[in-house]
């Protein structure tokens, strides 16, 4: 413990929680592995939706399928990922 301007500061307050960091790292690895198992079409849809922020309608227009198909493929891909992690 040390003092900073009159307030007690404990060493443990300054040390990061490595357990959470390790868990996040493992979850990241699991997620990457799960995504690798998706089809190229599913990967493309998820990339457009979640990394580029496109709407389902925009994705549908770009890849030439209906919005309903994008919705089904997206939902299916997410469910498959959830089962694997």
PDB file of N, CA and C in Angstrom:
ATOM      1  N   UNK A   1       0.852  -1.165   0.000  1.00  0.00           N
ATOM      2  CA  UNK A   1       0.000   0.000   0.000  1.00  0.00           C
ATOM      3  C   UNK A   1       0.901   1.232   0.000  1.00  0.00           C
ATOM      4  N   UNK A   2       0.467   2.256  -0.734  1.00  0.00           N
ATOM      5  CA  UNK A   2       1.151   3.537  -0.672  1.00  0.00           C
ATOM      6  C   UNK A   2       0.108   4.640  -0.767  1.00  0.00           C
ATOM      7  N   UNK A   3       0.530   5.858  -0.515  1.00  0.00           N
ATOM      8  CA  UNK A   3      -0.411   6.977  -0.478  1.00  0.00           C
ATOM      9  C   UNK A   3      -0.173   7.913  -1.655  1.00  0.00           C
ATOM     10  N   UNK A   4      -1.262   8.392  -2.209  1.00  0.00           N
ATOM     11  CA  UNK A   4      -1.189   9.336  -3.320  1.00  0.00           C
ATOM     12  C   UNK A   4      -2.116  10.501  -3.004  1.00  0.00           C
ATOM     13  N   UNK A   5      -1.562  11.585  -2.522  1.00  0.00           N
ATOM     14  CA  UNK A   5      -2.387  12.734  -2.184  1.00  0.00           C
ATOM     15  C   UNK A   5      -3.338  12.473  -1.040  1.00  0.00           C
ATOM     16  N   UNK A   6      -2.948  11.624  -0.114  1.00  0.00           N
ATOM     17  CA  UNK A   6      -3.779  11.363   1.044  1.00  0.00           C
ATOM     18  C   UNK A   6      -4.645  10.122   0.934  1.00  0.00           C
ATOM     19  N   UNK A   7      -4.844   9.588  -0.267  1.00  0.00           N
ATOM     20  CA  UNK A   7      -5.660   8.381  -0.443  1.00  0.00           C
ATOM     21  C   UNK A   7      -4.770   7.149  -0.477  1.00  0.00           C
ATOM     22  N   UNK A   8      -5.191   6.104   0.192  1.00  0.00           N
ATOM     23  CA  UNK A   8      -4.440   4.854   0.179  1.00  0.00           C
ATOM     24  C   UNK A   8      -4.667   4.150  -1.154  1.00  0.00           C
ATOM     25  N   UNK A   9      -3.586   3.716  -1.773  1.00  0.00           N
ATOM     26  CA  UNK A   9      -3.673   2.960  -3.021  1.00  0.00           C
ATOM     27  C   UNK A   9      -3.017   1.615  -2.776  1.00  0.00           C
ATOM     28  N   UNK A  10      -3.751   0.564  -3.024  1.00  0.00           N
ATOM     29  CA  UNK A  10      -3.262  -0.782  -2.803  1.00  0.00           C
ATOM     30  C   UNK A  10      -2.659  -1.333  -4.084  1.00  0.00           C
ATOM     31  N   UNK A  11      -1.591  -2.091  -3.939  1.00  0.00           N
ATOM     32  CA  UNK A  11      -0.907  -2.669  -5.090  1.00  0.00           C
ATOM     33  C   UNK A  11      -1.869  -3.504  -5.929  1.00  0.00           C
ATOM     34  N   UNK A  12      -2.737  -4.269  -5.286  1.00  0.00           N
ATOM     35  CA  UNK A  12      -3.669  -5.126  -6.026  1.00  0.00           C
ATOM     36  C   UNK A  12      -4.625  -4.314  -6.897  1.00  0.00           C
ATOM     37  N   UNK A  13      -4.890  -3.060  -6.516  1.00  0.00           N
ATOM     38  CA  UNK A  13      -5.735  -2.199  -7.342  1.00  0.00           C
ATOM     39  C   UNK A  13      -5.027  -1.802  -8.632  1.00  0.00           C
ATOM     40  N   UNK A  14      -3.707  -1.852  -8.612  1.00  0.00           N
ATOM     41  CA  UNK A  14      -2.914  -1.434  -9.762  1.00  0.00           C
ATOM     42  C   UNK A  14      -2.549  -2.598 -10.686  1.00  0.00           C
ATOM     43  N   UNK A  15      -2.713  -3.815 -10.218  1.00  0.00           N
ATOM     44  CA  UNK A  15      -2.351  -5.000 -10.993  1.00  0.00           C
ATOM     45  C   UNK A  15      -3.559  -5.448 -11.798  1.00  0.00           C
ATOM     46  N   UNK A  16      -3.358  -5.728 -13.080  1.00  0.00           N
ATOM     47  CA  UNK A  16      -4.451  -6.192 -13.926  1.00  0.00           C
ATOM     48  C   UNK A  16      -4.898  -7.587 -13.553  1.00  0.00           C
ATOM     49  N   UNK A  17      -6.112  -7.908 -13.887  1.00  0.00           N
ATOM     50  CA  UNK A  17      -6.666  -9.240 -13.636  1.00  0.00           C
ATOM     51  C   UNK A  17      -6.283 -10.142 -14.798  1.00  0.00           C
ATOM     52  N   UNK A  18      -5.218 -10.941 -14.630  1.00  0.00           N
ATOM     53  CA  UNK A  18      -4.743 -11.780 -15.726  1.00  0.00           C
ATOM     54  C   UNK A  18      -5.702 -12.909 -16.036  1.00  0.00           C
ATOM     55  N   UNK A  19      -6.529 -13.305 -15.077  1.00  0.00           N
ATOM     56  CA  UNK A  19      -7.499 -14.365 -15.343  1.00  0.00           C
ATOM     57  C   UNK A  19      -8.443 -13.935 -16.462  1.00  0.00           C
ATOM     58  N   UNK A  20      -8.972 -12.716 -16.367  1.00  0.00           N
ATOM     59  CA  UNK A  20      -9.861 -12.233 -17.414  1.00  0.00           C
ATOM     60  C   UNK A  20      -9.134 -12.120 -18.742  1.00  0.00           C
ATOM     61  N   UNK A  21      -7.879 -11.686 -18.717  1.00  0.00           N
ATOM     62  CA  UNK A  21      -7.098 -11.579 -19.940  1.00  0.00           C
ATOM     63  C   UNK A  21      -6.907 -12.954 -20.562  1.00  0.00           C
ATOM     64  N   UNK A  22      -6.563 -13.940 -19.755  1.00  0.00           N
ATOM     65  CA  UNK A  22      -6.374 -15.298 -20.257  1.00  0.00           C
ATOM     66  C   UNK A  22      -7.670 -15.859 -20.820  1.00  0.00           C
ATOM     67  N   UNK A  23      -8.775 -15.638 -20.129  1.00  0.00           N
ATOM     68  CA  UNK A  23     -10.065 -16.129 -20.613  1.00  0.00           C
ATOM     69  C   UNK A  23     -10.437 -15.458 -21.925  1.00  0.00           C
ATOM     70  N   UNK A  24     -10.214 -14.161 -22.025  1.00  0.00           N
ATOM     71  CA  UNK A  24     -10.511 -13.448 -23.266  1.00  0.00           C
ATOM     72  C   UNK A  24      -9.666 -13.977 -24.411  1.00  0.00           C
ATOM     73  N   UNK A  25      -8.392 -14.256 -24.137  1.00  0.00           N
ATOM     74  CA  UNK A  25      -7.503 -14.786 -25.152  1.00  0.00           C
ATOM     75  C   UNK A  25      -7.987 -16.152 -25.635  1.00  0.00           C
ATOM     76  N   UNK A  26      -8.380 -17.013 -24.696  1.00  0.00           N
ATOM     77  CA  UNK A  26      -8.874 -18.341 -25.059  1.00  0.00           C
ATOM     78  C   UNK A  26     -10.178 -18.248 -25.841  1.00  0.00           C
ATOM     79  N   UNK A  27     -11.063 -17.340 -25.434  1.00  0.00           N
ATOM     80  CA  UNK A  27     -12.310 -17.153 -26.168  1.00  0.00           C
ATOM     81  C   UNK A  27     -12.030 -16.657 -27.578  1.00  0.00           C
ATOM     82  N   UNK A  28     -11.050 -15.776 -27.718  1.00  0.00           N
ATOM     83  CA  UNK A  28     -10.671 -15.258 -29.034  1.00  0.00           C
ATOM     84  C   UNK A  28     -10.166 -16.387 -29.928  1.00  0.00           C
ATOM     85  N   UNK A  29      -9.331 -17.254 -29.381  1.00  0.00           N
ATOM     86  CA  UNK A  29      -8.809 -18.399 -30.134  1.00  0.00           C
ATOM     87  C   UNK A  29      -9.958 -19.316 -30.547  1.00  0.00           C
ATOM     88  N   UNK A  30     -10.864 -19.613 -29.625  1.00  0.00           N
ATOM     89  CA  UNK A  30     -12.007 -20.479 -29.919  1.00  0.00           C
ATOM     90  C   UNK A  30     -12.879 -19.875 -31.001  1.00  0.00           C
ATOM     91  N   UNK A  31     -13.099 -18.579 -30.933  1.00  0.00           N
ATOM     92  CA  UNK A  31     -13.919 -17.902 -31.932  1.00  0.00           C
ATOM     93  C   UNK A  31     -13.269 -17.975 -33.306  1.00  0.00           C
ATOM     94  N   UNK A  32     -11.960 -17.735 -33.366  1.00  0.00           N
ATOM     95  CA  UNK A  32     -11.256 -17.813 -34.648  1.00  0.00           C
ATOM     96  C   UNK A  32     -11.360 -19.214 -35.249  1.00  0.00           C
ATOM     97  N   UNK A  33     -11.203 -20.229 -34.413  1.00  0.00           N
ATOM     98  CA  UNK A  33     -11.301 -21.606 -34.894  1.00  0.00           C
ATOM     99  C   UNK A  33     -12.710 -21.915 -35.396  1.00  0.00           C
ATOM    100  N   UNK A  34     -13.715 -21.439 -34.689  1.00  0.00           N
ATOM    101  CA  UNK A  34     -15.104 -21.671 -35.095  1.00  0.00           C
ATOM    102  C   UNK A  34     -15.399 -20.982 -36.420  1.00  0.00           C
ATOM    103  N   UNK A  35     -14.894 -19.779 -36.598  1.00  0.00           N
ATOM    104  CA  UNK A  35     -15.126 -19.045 -37.846  1.00  0.00           C
ATOM    105  C   UNK A  35     -14.448 -19.741 -39.018  1.00  0.00           C
ATOM    106  N   UNK A  36     -13.274 -20.320 -38.791  1.00  0.00           N
ATOM    107  CA  UNK A  36     -12.563 -21.040 -39.857  1.00  0.00           C
ATOM    108  C   UNK A  36     -13.400 -22.184 -40.428  1.00  0.00           C
ATOM    109  N   UNK A  37     -14.281 -22.742 -39.614  1.00  0.00           N
ATOM    110  CA  UNK A  37     -15.081 -23.889 -40.041  1.00  0.00           C
ATOM    111  C   UNK A  37     -16.313 -23.494 -40.850  1.00  0.00           C
ATOM    112  N   UNK A  38     -16.604 -22.202 -40.936  1.00  0.00           N
ATOM    113  CA  UNK A  38     -17.755 -21.748 -41.720  1.00  0.00           C
ATOM    114  C   UNK A  38     -17.426 -21.794 -43.208  1.00  0.00           C
ATOM    115  N   UNK A  39     -18.477 -21.825 -44.017  1.00  0.00           N
ATOM    116  CA  UNK A  39     -18.270 -21.759 -45.463  1.00  0.00           C
ATOM    117  C   UNK A  39     -17.793 -20.358 -45.831  1.00  0.00           C
ATOM    118  N   UNK A  40     -17.205 -20.221 -47.009  1.00  0.00           N
ATOM    119  CA  UNK A  40     -16.746 -18.909 -47.466  1.00  0.00           C
ATOM    120  C   UNK A  40     -17.914 -17.930 -47.546  1.00  0.00           C
ATOM    121  N   UNK A  41     -19.066 -18.402 -47.964  1.00  0.00           N
ATOM    122  CA  UNK A  41     -20.255 -17.552 -48.066  1.00  0.00           C
ATOM    123  C   UNK A  41     -20.671 -17.034 -46.685  1.00  0.00           C
ATOM    124  N   UNK A  42     -20.675 -17.931 -45.700  1.00  0.00           N
ATOM    125  CA  UNK A  42     -21.038 -17.532 -44.336  1.00  0.00           C
ATOM    126  C   UNK A  42     -20.028 -16.528 -43.774  1.00  0.00           C
ATOM    127  N   UNK A  43     -18.745 -16.784 -44.004  1.00  0.00           N
ATOM    128  CA  UNK A  43     -17.707 -15.861 -43.540  1.00  0.00           C
ATOM    129  C   UNK A  43     -17.896 -14.483 -44.171  1.00  0.00           C
ATOM    130  N   UNK A  44     -18.195 -14.477 -45.472  1.00  0.00           N
ATOM    131  CA  UNK A  44     -18.380 -13.218 -46.193  1.00  0.00           C
ATOM    132  C   UNK A  44     -19.569 -12.447 -45.626  1.00  0.00           C
ATOM    133  N   UNK A  45     -20.662 -13.137 -45.390  1.00  0.00           N
ATOM    134  CA  UNK A  45     -21.863 -12.493 -44.839  1.00  0.00           C
ATOM    135  C   UNK A  45     -21.572 -11.908 -43.461  1.00  0.00           C
ATOM    136  N   UNK A  46     -20.948 -12.681 -42.586  1.00  0.00           N
ATOM    137  CA  UNK A  46     -20.641 -12.181 -41.242  1.00  0.00           C
ATOM    138  C   UNK A  46     -19.659 -11.013 -41.289  1.00  0.00           C
ATOM    139  N   UNK A  47     -18.705 -11.086 -42.188  1.00  0.00           N
ATOM    140  CA  UNK A  47     -17.746  -9.996 -42.334  1.00  0.00           C
ATOM    141  C   UNK A  47     -18.440  -8.708 -42.761  1.00  0.00           C
ATOM    142  N   UNK A  48     -19.301  -8.803 -43.755  1.00  0.00           N
ATOM    143  CA  UNK A  48     -20.032  -7.622 -44.218  1.00  0.00           C
ATOM    144  C   UNK A  48     -20.940  -7.071 -43.127  1.00  0.00           C
ATOM    145  N   UNK A  49     -21.609  -7.952 -42.428  1.00  0.00           N
ATOM    146  CA  UNK A  49     -22.566  -7.526 -41.398  1.00  0.00           C
ATOM    147  C   UNK A  49     -21.883  -6.930 -40.168  1.00  0.00           C
ATOM    148  N   UNK A  50     -20.891  -7.613 -39.639  1.00  0.00           N
ATOM    149  CA  UNK A  50     -20.361  -7.229 -38.337  1.00  0.00           C
ATOM    150  C   UNK A  50     -19.057  -6.444 -38.376  1.00  0.00           C
ATOM    151  N   UNK A  51     -18.270  -6.592 -39.430  1.00  0.00           N
ATOM    152  CA  UNK A  51     -17.025  -5.834 -39.505  1.00  0.00           C
ATOM    153  C   UNK A  51     -17.172  -4.592 -40.364  1.00  0.00           C
ATOM    154  N   UNK A  52     -18.060  -4.655 -41.353  1.00  0.00           N
ATOM    155  CA  UNK A  52     -18.285  -3.494 -42.209  1.00  0.00           C
ATOM    156  C   UNK A  52     -19.578  -2.765 -41.873  1.00  0.00           C
ATOM    157  N   UNK A  53     -20.395  -3.341 -40.999  1.00  0.00           N
ATOM    158  CA  UNK A  53     -21.607  -2.672 -40.541  1.00  0.00           C
ATOM    159  C   UNK A  53     -22.722  -2.565 -41.569  1.00  0.00           C
ATOM    160  N   UNK A  54     -22.725  -3.466 -42.526  1.00  0.00           N
ATOM    161  CA  UNK A  54     -23.757  -3.434 -43.564  1.00  0.00           C
ATOM    162  C   UNK A  54     -25.068  -4.002 -43.042  1.00  0.00           C
ATOM    163  N   UNK A  55     -26.180  -3.549 -43.618  1.00  0.00           N
ATOM    164  CA  UNK A  55     -27.487  -4.109 -43.279  1.00  0.00           C
ATOM    165  C   UNK A  55     -27.677  -5.416 -44.038  1.00  0.00           C
ATOM    166  N   UNK A  56     -28.665  -6.190 -43.611  1.00  0.00           N
ATOM    167  CA  UNK A  56     -28.965  -7.430 -44.328  1.00  0.00           C
ATOM    168  C   UNK A  56     -29.375  -7.131 -45.768  1.00  0.00           C
ATOM    169  N   UNK A  57     -30.094  -6.043 -45.978  1.00  0.00           N
ATOM    170  CA  UNK A  57     -30.500  -5.666 -47.341  1.00  0.00           C
ATOM    171  C   UNK A  57     -29.287  -5.335 -48.203  1.00  0.00           C
ATOM    172  N   UNK A  58     -28.327  -4.625 -47.650  1.00  0.00           N
ATOM    173  CA  UNK A  58     -27.110  -4.288 -48.398  1.00  0.00           C
ATOM    174  C   UNK A  58     -26.315  -5.541 -48.741  1.00  0.00           C
ATOM    175  N   UNK A  59     -26.207  -6.452 -47.785  1.00  0.00           N
ATOM    176  CA  UNK A  59     -25.491  -7.711 -48.018  1.00  0.00           C
ATOM    177  C   UNK A  59     -26.205  -8.511 -49.101  1.00  0.00           C
ATOM    178  N   UNK A  60     -27.519  -8.594 -48.997  1.00  0.00           N
ATOM    179  CA  UNK A  60     -28.314  -9.338 -49.979  1.00  0.00           C
ATOM    180  C   UNK A  60     -28.090  -8.791 -51.377  1.00  0.00           C
ATOM    181  N   UNK A  61     -28.116  -7.492 -51.516  1.00  0.00           N
ATOM    182  CA  UNK A  61     -27.923  -6.854 -52.811  1.00  0.00           C
ATOM    183  C   UNK A  61     -26.527  -7.135 -53.358  1.00  0.00           C
ATOM    184  N   UNK A  62     -25.530  -7.075 -52.500  1.00  0.00           N
ATOM    185  CA  UNK A  62     -24.147  -7.289 -52.941  1.00  0.00           C
ATOM    186  C   UNK A  62     -23.886  -8.715 -53.407  1.00  0.00           C
ATOM    187  N   UNK A  63     -24.444  -9.705 -52.691  1.00  0.00           N
ATOM    188  CA  UNK A  63     -24.130 -11.089 -53.071  1.00  0.00           C
ATOM    189  C   UNK A  63     -25.223 -11.753 -53.897  1.00  0.00           C
ATOM    190  N   UNK A  64     -26.305 -11.023 -54.152  1.00  0.00           N
ATOM    191  CA  UNK A  64     -27.321 -11.523 -55.077  1.00  0.00           C
ATOM    192  C   UNK A  64     -28.288 -12.545 -54.515  1.00  0.00           C
ATOM    193  N   UNK A  65     -28.635 -12.409 -53.243  1.00  0.00           N
ATOM    194  CA  UNK A  65     -29.653 -13.278 -52.657  1.00  0.00           C
ATOM    195  C   UNK A  65     -30.658 -12.396 -51.922  1.00  0.00           C
ATOM    196  N   UNK A  66     -31.732 -12.995 -51.443  1.00  0.00           N
ATOM    197  CA  UNK A  66     -32.749 -12.211 -50.740  1.00  0.00           C
ATOM    198  C   UNK A  66     -32.294 -11.865 -49.321  1.00  0.00           C
ATOM    199  N   UNK A  67     -32.931 -10.849 -48.759  1.00  0.00           N
ATOM    200  CA  UNK A  67     -32.648 -10.465 -47.373  1.00  0.00           C
ATOM    201  C   UNK A  67     -32.991 -11.607 -46.430  1.00  0.00           C
ATOM    202  N   UNK A  68     -34.063 -12.339 -46.731  1.00  0.00           N
ATOM    203  CA  UNK A  68     -34.465 -13.472 -45.889  1.00  0.00           C
ATOM    204  C   UNK A  68     -33.382 -14.551 -45.884  1.00  0.00           C
ATOM    205  N   UNK A  69     -32.757 -14.785 -47.047  1.00  0.00           N
ATOM    206  CA  UNK A  69     -31.678 -15.774 -47.112  1.00  0.00           C
ATOM    207  C   UNK A  69     -30.468 -15.312 -46.299  1.00  0.00           C
ATOM    208  N   UNK A  70     -30.155 -14.025 -46.386  1.00  0.00           N
ATOM    209  CA  UNK A  70     -29.048 -13.483 -45.590  1.00  0.00           C
ATOM    210  C   UNK A  70     -29.342 -13.701 -44.111  1.00  0.00           C
ATOM    211  N   UNK A  71     -30.566 -13.407 -43.705  1.00  0.00           N
ATOM    212  CA  UNK A  71     -30.964 -13.573 -42.311  1.00  0.00           C
ATOM    213  C   UNK A  71     -30.805 -15.019 -41.861  1.00  0.00           C
ATOM    214  N   UNK A  72     -31.270 -15.956 -42.671  1.00  0.00           N
ATOM    215  CA  UNK A  72     -31.160 -17.381 -42.323  1.00  0.00           C
ATOM    216  C   UNK A  72     -29.705 -17.832 -42.248  1.00  0.00           C
ATOM    217  N   UNK A  73     -28.907 -17.440 -43.241  1.00  0.00           N
ATOM    218  CA  UNK A  73     -27.496 -17.836 -43.253  1.00  0.00           C
ATOM    219  C   UNK A  73     -26.737 -17.229 -42.069  1.00  0.00           C
ATOM    220  N   UNK A  74     -27.023 -15.979 -41.777  1.00  0.00           N
ATOM    221  CA  UNK A  74     -26.390 -15.302 -40.643  1.00  0.00           C
ATOM    222  C   UNK A  74     -26.743 -16.004 -39.332  1.00  0.00           C
ATOM    223  N   UNK A  75     -28.018 -16.265 -39.135  1.00  0.00           N
ATOM    224  CA  UNK A  75     -28.471 -16.924 -37.907  1.00  0.00           C
ATOM    225  C   UNK A  75     -27.852 -18.312 -37.775  1.00  0.00           C
ATOM    226  N   UNK A  76     -27.832 -19.057 -38.860  1.00  0.00           N
ATOM    227  CA  UNK A  76     -27.263 -20.400 -38.855  1.00  0.00           C
ATOM    228  C   UNK A  76     -25.769 -20.360 -38.521  1.00  0.00           C
ATOM    229  N   UNK A  77     -25.045 -19.430 -39.128  1.00  0.00           N
ATOM    230  CA  UNK A  77     -23.605 -19.315 -38.880  1.00  0.00           C
ATOM    231  C   UNK A  77     -23.336 -18.958 -37.421  1.00  0.00           C
ATOM    232  N   UNK A  78     -24.111 -18.034 -36.883  1.00  0.00           N
ATOM    233  CA  UNK A  78     -23.930 -17.631 -35.486  1.00  0.00           C
ATOM    234  C   UNK A  78     -24.227 -18.796 -34.546  1.00  0.00           C
ATOM    235  N   UNK A  79     -25.263 -19.553 -34.834  1.00  0.00           N
ATOM    236  CA  UNK A  79     -25.591 -20.720 -33.999  1.00  0.00           C
ATOM    237  C   UNK A  79     -24.472 -21.755 -34.042  1.00  0.00           C
ATOM    238  N   UNK A  80     -23.909 -21.985 -35.222  1.00  0.00           N
ATOM    239  CA  UNK A  80     -22.800 -22.941 -35.346  1.00  0.00           C
ATOM    240  C   UNK A  80     -21.587 -22.471 -34.547  1.00  0.00           C
ATOM    241  N   UNK A  81     -21.314 -21.177 -34.597  1.00  0.00           N
ATOM    242  CA  UNK A  81     -20.190 -20.629 -33.826  1.00  0.00           C
ATOM    243  C   UNK A  81     -20.441 -20.809 -32.333  1.00  0.00           C
ATOM    244  N   UNK A  82     -21.645 -20.496 -31.884  1.00  0.00           N
ATOM    245  CA  UNK A  82     -21.978 -20.620 -30.457  1.00  0.00           C
ATOM    246  C   UNK A  82     -21.794 -22.044 -29.957  1.00  0.00           C
ATOM    247  N   UNK A  83     -22.156 -23.022 -30.776  1.00  0.00           N
ATOM    248  CA  UNK A  83     -22.027 -24.424 -30.368  1.00  0.00           C
ATOM    249  C   UNK A  83     -20.569 -24.834 -30.211  1.00  0.00           C
ATOM    250  N   UNK A  84     -19.684 -24.186 -30.970  1.00  0.00           N
ATOM    251  CA  UNK A  84     -18.276 -24.578 -30.963  1.00  0.00           C
ATOM    252  C   UNK A  84     -17.447 -23.869 -29.899  1.00  0.00           C
ATOM    253  N   UNK A  85     -17.971 -22.770 -29.367  1.00  0.00           N
ATOM    254  CA  UNK A  85     -17.160 -22.059 -28.360  1.00  0.00           C
ATOM    255  C   UNK A  85     -17.745 -22.205 -26.972  1.00  0.00           C
TER     256      UNK A  85
END
